[in-house]
Amino acid sequence: MASLYPLLLRPEFVERPWGARDLAPIYSEHRCEKPVGEVWLTGDENRVANGPLAGRTLGELCREYGRALVGEAARETQRFPLLIKFLFPREKLSVQVHPDDEGARRVGQPCGKTECWYVLQADPRAQVALGLKPGVTREQLERAIREVRAEELLNWVDIHAGEMIYVDAGTVHTIGPGSILVETQQNSDTTYRLYDYGRPREIHVEQGLAATKERTQAGKVRSDGTTLVASACFRVEKFSLTEARCFEAAHSPQIFVALEGSGVAESASTNFDRGQALVIPAEVEQVRIRPNLSLEALRMTLPSRS
């Protein structure tokens, strides 16, 4: 079995009816025949692009290497704990909700879906909806869905570049057009659509209302410098490098996502550019990242389970 090393993953472009055909400036060279809404960076089907494990999927490697890859902080050994995506909304997403861990297990899923969005770019009128307006109940939401006015009951928030938005499981939410977001989430794709503007997709009103929480912790996060958000599910940091720096995480894999510029993991001589993800397996406790001139990146890790 080959030794683990910093893994450069090939992005997976996922079509969505609300997505964009132009993914600039992140993927300026990618041509989209159909709208792409999500670019997955650490999904089970993302393939390694470098080294002896090139061509293998991240899911395969999790099943083969277990804790050596995912670390002691991960709840499961057979799948990667965090799913990282770029989002390119050009139309409104469905009004939706994700179950928490307990609700997910009741329907046979390994985990719920708490997520966060780093706002990389935003048009002047870009908005997201986070939760229900104060005083709104599930019963009122159900009636509004039947009457095709669910959006009226949502808490709409203006967003701006550089902000971090936390969306805990159970929060009814949607994303409006006109932004580019970097999403960090528990590795679950369980989505209950409550309302979808007449698009011909399945709606899950009963399951969604059961997962809905009338009050949640969703909202903008005040960062304390480097750390953008720290929760029970993930930690997201942002840094700008003009010289090499060492990063350590003894209990967790590290995921680096380049936002501007490029960098190299010196131990593996692996370059990663804007829009690419570099996964440092948990058994590689320390990595030295050197910028090529300059690098602005996000770093995602798991909090210690203790």
Foldseek 3Di string as FASTA:
>chain_A
DDDDFKFWWDKDFAADQQADQQPPPQCRPDGDPGGTFKIKFQAQATATCDDPRGPHGQQVVLCVPFCQFFFQQAPGSRGHFKIKIKGAGAAKAFFWFKAAQVLCVVVPHRGIKWKKKQWAAFDQAWKKWKAFDPPDDLVNLLVCLVVVNNVVGTHIDDDHHGWMKTHGGQIGMMTGHGTMIMMMMTRDPDMAGSGGPPDPDDHHNVSGSVRHDRDDPIDIADDPAQWRDDDQRKTKGKDKDQFKDKDFDQGGKKKKAWQAAKKAFVVRRDIDHHGIIIIGGNNNGMTIIGTPRMTIIMMMIHDHPD
